[in-house]
Structure formats: C-alpha cells, structure tokens
Amino acid sequence: MGNKIAFEVQNFKAVRFIGREVIVGKKNPVPELWKSILNDGTNDFLQSLPERVSPEGDTIGWMGEYNPKTKEFVYIAGIFAKPETVVPAGFSYRDIPDCIMGIGWIQGNTSNLEKGAHTKTEKIMKENGYVPDYSIVGISMEYYSFDKYAKIEEDGNTIFTFGYYLPCKKLV
C-alpha cells in the first residue's frame, strides 16, 4: 500500500502546548527526544495533567521559530493543555491562538509518515483551495493519535495514520 493523504480544515481553538524542547539544525535530536520522553515517565506525566485537552495518549510534535540564518528551528514534543495552564517546572510551552488549521491525514504501512509530510500537506491543501498562513502563528505540528496511529487490520497488516497540522487560509 502506498501512502494515502486526506485533508480537512478545522477551526482550531487556542491551547497551550507543553512539552520538552530541542533545537533542530545540522543534527536532528528529535528521535532521541521522543525515545526519552516516551520511556522516562515524561509522557505519562504530561498525559496525567488535569488541564490536558488533547485526547488521552495523543502526542504532538510542535515545530516553529525557524531561523533562516542558522537553518535551525525549535521542536517540542508534548501535549495540548488549556490556554492558562501553569507550566510545570522544567517544561517548555508555546501558546497557539485560535486559527484555521489545515490537517493532512497521511496513511501508510510504515511508521515514518512524517518524512515529507510538510510538502504533502501543502500540496493537498492547495488542491483543496487553501494555502499555508503563517501570519497568525508560524508553526507546523506532527500529530500522533493514540487511537489512529498504529491500527492492526484483520489481515495482520499495520496501518499507520499521522496528522500534519498547518495554519491555513482560503486561496484568494
């Protein structure tokens, strides 16, 4: 099965994104970050926050603050919480305002669906009459749904579904 992609537009409500932060540039510390937070109790702690608003078990990779001079950006692995949530010591956060969010739902039989997700989402977004809009918030996010990410089919194949979030606006 090749990768399939579907597109939806959502009125995204403001949240506070809370997690652990790394800088991505010449080196990519993201795989090690995920390995760490999924195994050291960090994700369990974030999932247990009473102010969490992302569905239980869902994890998100926030990307933003791109520096064109250094070609570096900030990556935070974490969860969505209510906008005024007090950030626990040792954690990073970013506030995401109300916006129109385009979501590329990418499905395939590999767990590495994040590769090329930005370009694929921009393409299907344009095919549906939208373009990325970084004027409100200059971010993108990888969304790993606990219920959808890895689903074993009756025939034994595992189907992975991954969401790629980009703020967008209607193409004029």
Protein backbone atom coordinates (compact mmCIF):
# COMPACT_ATOMS: atom_id res chain seq x y z
CA MET A 1 0.00 0.00 0.00
CA GLY A 2 1.35 3.42 -0.95
CA ASN A 3 0.74 6.39 1.29
CA LYS A 4 -2.72 7.97 1.10
CA ILE A 5 -3.49 11.50 2.19
CA ALA A 6 -6.76 13.16 3.14
CA PHE A 7 -7.30 16.82 4.01
CA GLU A 8 -9.53 18.61 6.48
CA VAL A 9 -9.86 22.18 7.70
CA GLN A 10 -10.59 22.84 11.35
CA ASN A 11 -11.41 25.92 13.43
CA PHE A 12 -8.58 25.38 15.88
CA LYS A 13 -9.22 26.69 19.39
CA ALA A 14 -6.41 28.28 21.42
CA VAL A 15 -4.28 25.94 23.51
CA ARG A 16 -1.08 25.98 25.50
CA PHE A 17 1.36 23.45 24.12
CA ILE A 18 3.56 21.93 26.86
CA GLY A 19 6.49 19.57 26.41
CA ARG A 20 10.25 19.10 26.13
CA GLU A 21 12.22 21.25 23.70
CA VAL A 22 15.22 20.71 21.42
CA ILE A 23 16.87 22.72 18.64
CA VAL A 24 16.99 21.03 15.23
CA GLY A 25 19.70 22.08 12.79
CA LYS A 26 22.74 20.25 11.49
CA LYS A 27 21.89 17.48 13.94
CA ASN A 28 18.42 16.04 14.46
CA PRO A 29 17.85 15.29 18.16
CA VAL A 30 14.11 14.62 17.63
CA PRO A 31 14.21 10.78 17.52
CA GLU A 32 16.22 10.73 20.75
CA LEU A 33 13.82 13.26 22.34
CA TRP A 34 10.82 11.04 21.56
CA LYS A 35 12.62 7.93 22.77
CA SER A 36 13.45 9.70 26.01
CA ILE A 37 10.04 11.20 26.82
CA LEU A 38 8.18 8.00 25.94
CA ASN A 39 10.41 5.91 28.21
CA ASP A 40 11.43 8.14 31.13
CA GLY A 41 7.94 8.95 32.50
CA THR A 42 7.72 12.41 30.89
CA ASN A 43 4.86 11.47 28.57
CA ASP A 44 3.00 9.72 31.40
CA PHE A 45 3.36 12.90 33.48
CA LEU A 46 2.07 15.12 30.64
CA GLN A 47 -0.82 12.75 29.94
CA SER A 48 -1.84 12.97 33.61
CA LEU A 49 -2.09 16.78 33.69
CA PRO A 50 -5.68 17.65 34.63
CA GLU A 51 -5.56 20.62 32.21
CA ARG A 52 -4.65 18.42 29.21
CA VAL A 53 -7.11 18.89 26.33
CA SER A 54 -5.56 16.64 23.67
CA PRO A 55 -7.15 13.17 23.78
CA GLU A 56 -5.52 10.79 26.24
CA GLY A 57 -2.47 9.11 24.77
CA ASP A 58 -2.12 11.55 21.85
CA THR A 59 1.28 13.19 21.42
CA ILE A 60 2.25 16.14 19.29
CA GLY A 61 5.49 17.48 17.82
CA TRP A 62 5.41 21.30 17.63
CA MET A 63 7.79 22.99 15.15
CA GLY A 64 8.41 26.71 14.89
CA GLU A 65 10.75 29.68 15.37
CA TYR A 66 12.71 28.86 12.23
CA ASN A 67 15.95 30.85 11.92
CA PRO A 68 16.82 31.26 8.21
CA LYS A 69 20.43 32.31 9.04
CA THR A 70 21.25 29.18 11.03
CA LYS A 71 18.60 26.96 9.37
CA GLU A 72 17.57 25.85 12.85
CA PHE A 73 14.12 25.54 14.41
CA VAL A 74 12.60 24.62 17.74
CA TYR A 75 10.92 21.23 18.14
CA ILE A 76 8.83 20.46 21.21
CA ALA A 77 7.36 17.02 21.94
CA GLY A 78 4.28 17.25 24.15
CA ILE A 79 0.55 17.73 24.56
CA PHE A 80 -2.20 20.37 24.27
CA ALA A 81 -3.46 21.92 27.50
CA LYS A 82 -5.95 24.63 28.44
CA PRO A 83 -4.67 28.13 27.49
CA GLU A 84 -3.92 29.36 31.03
CA THR A 85 -2.32 26.13 32.32
CA VAL A 86 0.58 26.65 34.72
CA VAL A 87 3.64 25.13 33.07
CA PRO A 88 5.38 22.53 35.25
CA ALA A 89 9.00 23.25 36.17
CA GLY A 90 11.48 22.07 33.57
CA PHE A 91 8.99 22.10 30.68
CA SER A 92 8.72 24.42 27.67
CA TYR A 93 5.49 25.84 26.31
CA ARG A 94 4.11 27.83 23.42
CA ASP A 95 0.67 29.40 23.19
CA ILE A 96 -1.19 28.61 19.99
CA PRO A 97 -4.00 31.11 19.25
CA ASP A 98 -7.36 30.46 17.60
CA CYS A 99 -6.72 29.92 13.90
CA ILE A 100 -7.82 27.98 10.83
CA MET A 101 -5.83 24.74 10.75
CA GLY A 102 -5.32 22.56 7.71
CA ILE A 103 -4.66 18.93 8.53
CA GLY A 104 -3.11 16.41 6.19
CA TRP A 105 -4.02 12.91 7.38
CA ILE A 106 -1.32 10.66 5.94
CA GLN A 107 -1.85 6.91 5.99
CA GLY A 108 0.51 4.09 5.06
CA ASN A 109 2.11 0.88 6.25
CA THR A 110 5.28 2.49 7.58
CA SER A 111 5.68 4.34 10.87
CA ASN A 112 7.86 7.03 9.25
CA LEU A 113 4.99 9.05 7.80
CA GLU A 114 6.47 12.35 8.99
CA LYS A 115 9.04 12.27 6.17
CA GLY A 116 7.85 14.71 3.51
CA ALA A 117 4.64 15.43 5.44
CA HIS A 118 5.00 19.21 5.17
CA THR A 119 5.27 19.16 1.37
CA LYS A 120 2.47 16.60 1.01
CA THR A 121 0.17 18.62 3.25
CA GLU A 122 0.91 21.88 1.40
CA LYS A 123 0.14 20.14 -1.90
CA ILE A 124 -3.22 18.66 -0.85
CA MET A 125 -4.05 21.94 0.91
CA LYS A 126 -3.62 23.86 -2.37
CA GLU A 127 -5.63 21.21 -4.26
CA ASN A 128 -8.47 21.96 -1.80
CA GLY A 129 -8.29 25.75 -2.21
CA TYR A 130 -6.14 26.66 0.81
CA VAL A 131 -2.59 27.91 1.39
CA PRO A 132 -0.41 27.93 4.50
CA ASP A 133 -0.88 31.05 6.64
CA TYR A 134 1.97 31.85 8.98
CA SER A 135 0.71 35.39 9.74
CA ILE A 136 -1.11 34.36 12.93
CA VAL A 137 1.29 31.67 14.14
CA GLY A 138 4.38 30.40 12.29
CA ILE A 139 4.24 26.74 13.19
CA SER A 140 3.52 23.25 11.99
CA MET A 141 2.77 20.18 14.07
CA GLU A 142 3.06 16.42 13.82
CA TYR A 143 0.04 14.75 15.43
CA TYR A 144 0.21 11.17 16.69
CA SER A 145 -3.26 9.94 17.61
CA PHE A 146 -3.16 7.10 20.15
CA ASP A 147 -6.29 5.57 18.58
CA LYS A 148 -5.34 6.07 14.92
CA TYR A 149 -1.55 5.97 14.70
CA ALA A 150 -0.98 2.19 14.55
CA LYS A 151 -4.00 0.02 13.77
CA ILE A 152 -3.66 -3.69 13.07
CA GLU A 153 -6.01 -4.78 10.29
CA GLU A 154 -7.78 -8.16 10.11
CA ASP A 155 -5.21 -9.38 7.58
CA GLY A 156 -2.39 -8.66 10.07
CA ASN A 157 -1.07 -5.56 8.31
CA THR A 158 -0.46 -2.50 10.45
CA ILE A 159 -1.87 0.74 9.04
CA PHE A 160 -0.34 3.94 10.40
CA THR A 161 -2.23 7.26 10.33
CA PHE A 162 -0.45 10.51 11.09
CA GLY A 163 -1.73 14.10 11.13
CA TYR A 164 0.26 17.07 9.91
CA TYR A 165 -1.15 20.44 11.06
CA LEU A 166 -0.51 23.71 9.22
CA PRO A 167 -2.30 27.02 9.85
CA CYS A 168 -4.01 27.99 6.61
CA LYS A 169 -6.32 30.42 4.82
CA LYS A 170 -8.60 30.21 1.81
CA LEU A 171 -6.80 30.70 -1.50
CA VAL A 172 -7.91 34.02 -2.97
